[in-house]
Amino acid sequence: MGLTSAQDYYASNIFYVIALGLVKCSVTCFVASLTVKDTGPSRHVPRKEKLALYGVLAACVGWMIGAAVVVGLLCPWMSAHTCMGTVWTAPFW
């Protein structure tokens, strides 16, 4: 059974949000690898910078999950634009 264009658009929006979130996490990890201090044989990241990077990473993951849930709440392919008993009269964006 094939997907309709509305379902394709719905799925592509979810995948886009997830991909964008993963890119943000990847950039955060890249910046974390650049902040390693060369202090001889034991290379480490200072505690404050590590805490800040973990905070940014947690914010990126939280954004990705939240945005995927918000996009996932839309059901554009259902009849009369009904989704879980609610009638949408105008698009969200």
Protein backbone atom coordinates (compact mmCIF):
# COMPACT_ATOMS: atom_id res chain seq x y z
CA MET A 1 0.00 0.00 0.00
CA GLY A 2 1.57 3.26 -1.09
CA LEU A 3 1.78 6.49 0.81
CA THR A 4 -0.05 9.61 -0.26
CA SER A 5 1.79 12.85 -0.87
CA ALA A 6 0.49 14.24 2.43
CA GLN A 7 1.92 11.24 4.30
CA ASP A 8 5.21 11.63 2.44
CA TYR A 9 5.35 15.29 3.44
CA TYR A 10 4.51 14.40 7.05
CA ALA A 11 7.24 11.75 7.23
CA SER A 12 9.78 13.99 5.53
CA ASN A 13 9.13 16.75 8.10
CA ILE A 14 9.79 14.34 10.95
CA PHE A 15 12.96 13.02 9.33
CA TYR A 16 14.10 16.59 8.60
CA VAL A 17 13.70 17.59 12.26
CA ILE A 18 15.58 14.49 13.43
CA ALA A 19 18.38 15.07 10.91
CA LEU A 20 18.66 18.72 11.93
CA GLY A 21 18.86 17.72 15.59
CA LEU A 22 21.56 15.15 14.85
CA VAL A 23 23.56 17.77 12.96
CA LYS A 24 23.36 20.09 15.97
CA CYS A 25 24.58 17.27 18.23
CA SER A 26 27.36 16.46 15.79
CA VAL A 27 28.57 20.06 15.73
CA THR A 28 28.51 20.14 19.53
CA CYS A 29 30.64 16.98 19.68
CA PHE A 30 33.02 18.45 17.09
CA VAL A 31 33.44 21.60 19.17
CA ALA A 32 34.02 19.40 22.22
CA SER A 33 36.83 17.62 20.40
CA LEU A 34 38.41 20.98 19.55
CA THR A 35 38.43 22.10 23.19
CA VAL A 36 40.71 19.31 24.40
CA LYS A 37 43.64 20.88 26.20
CA ASP A 38 47.04 19.50 25.32
CA THR A 39 48.57 19.13 28.75
CA GLY A 40 51.08 16.44 27.97
CA PRO A 41 50.23 12.75 27.96
CA SER A 42 46.83 13.19 29.66
CA ARG A 43 44.62 15.27 27.41
CA HIS A 44 41.41 16.48 29.06
CA VAL A 45 38.60 19.01 28.81
CA PRO A 46 38.32 21.46 31.72
CA ARG A 47 35.31 20.84 33.98
CA LYS A 48 33.45 24.10 33.26
CA GLU A 49 33.75 23.68 29.51
CA LYS A 50 32.69 20.05 29.72
CA LEU A 51 29.64 21.02 31.76
CA ALA A 52 28.72 23.72 29.24
CA LEU A 53 29.12 21.31 26.31
CA TYR A 54 26.97 18.69 28.02
CA GLY A 55 24.35 21.38 28.63
CA VAL A 56 24.35 22.38 24.96
CA LEU A 57 24.19 18.72 23.93
CA ALA A 58 21.25 18.11 26.26
CA ALA A 59 19.49 21.20 24.88
CA CYS A 60 20.01 19.94 21.31
CA VAL A 61 18.61 16.51 22.15
CA GLY A 62 15.69 18.10 24.00
CA TRP A 63 14.96 20.36 21.05
CA MET A 64 15.12 17.43 18.64
CA ILE A 65 12.72 15.29 20.69
CA GLY A 66 10.35 18.20 21.33
CA ALA A 67 10.28 19.29 17.71
CA ALA A 68 9.70 15.73 16.49
CA VAL A 69 6.78 15.38 18.92
CA VAL A 70 5.26 18.69 17.83
CA VAL A 71 5.57 17.77 14.15
CA GLY A 72 4.30 14.29 14.96
CA LEU A 73 1.09 15.68 16.46
CA LEU A 74 -0.06 16.85 13.04
CA CYS A 75 -2.09 14.34 11.01
CA PRO A 76 -2.61 16.09 7.66
CA TRP A 77 -3.80 13.06 5.69
CA MET A 78 -6.88 12.32 7.79
CA SER A 79 -10.31 13.28 6.43
CA ALA A 80 -11.47 16.82 7.16
CA HIS A 81 -8.13 17.49 8.83
CA THR A 82 -9.21 15.80 12.03
CA CYS A 83 -6.55 14.57 14.38
CA MET A 84 -7.49 12.93 17.69
CA GLY A 85 -10.92 14.58 17.74
CA THR A 86 -9.67 18.11 17.02
CA VAL A 87 -10.58 19.88 13.81
CA TRP A 88 -7.77 22.03 12.43
CA THR A 89 -9.17 24.95 10.46
CA ALA A 90 -5.83 26.48 9.49
CA PRO A 91 -2.32 25.07 9.12
CA PHE A 92 0.16 25.65 11.91
CA TRP A 93 2.80 27.26 9.69
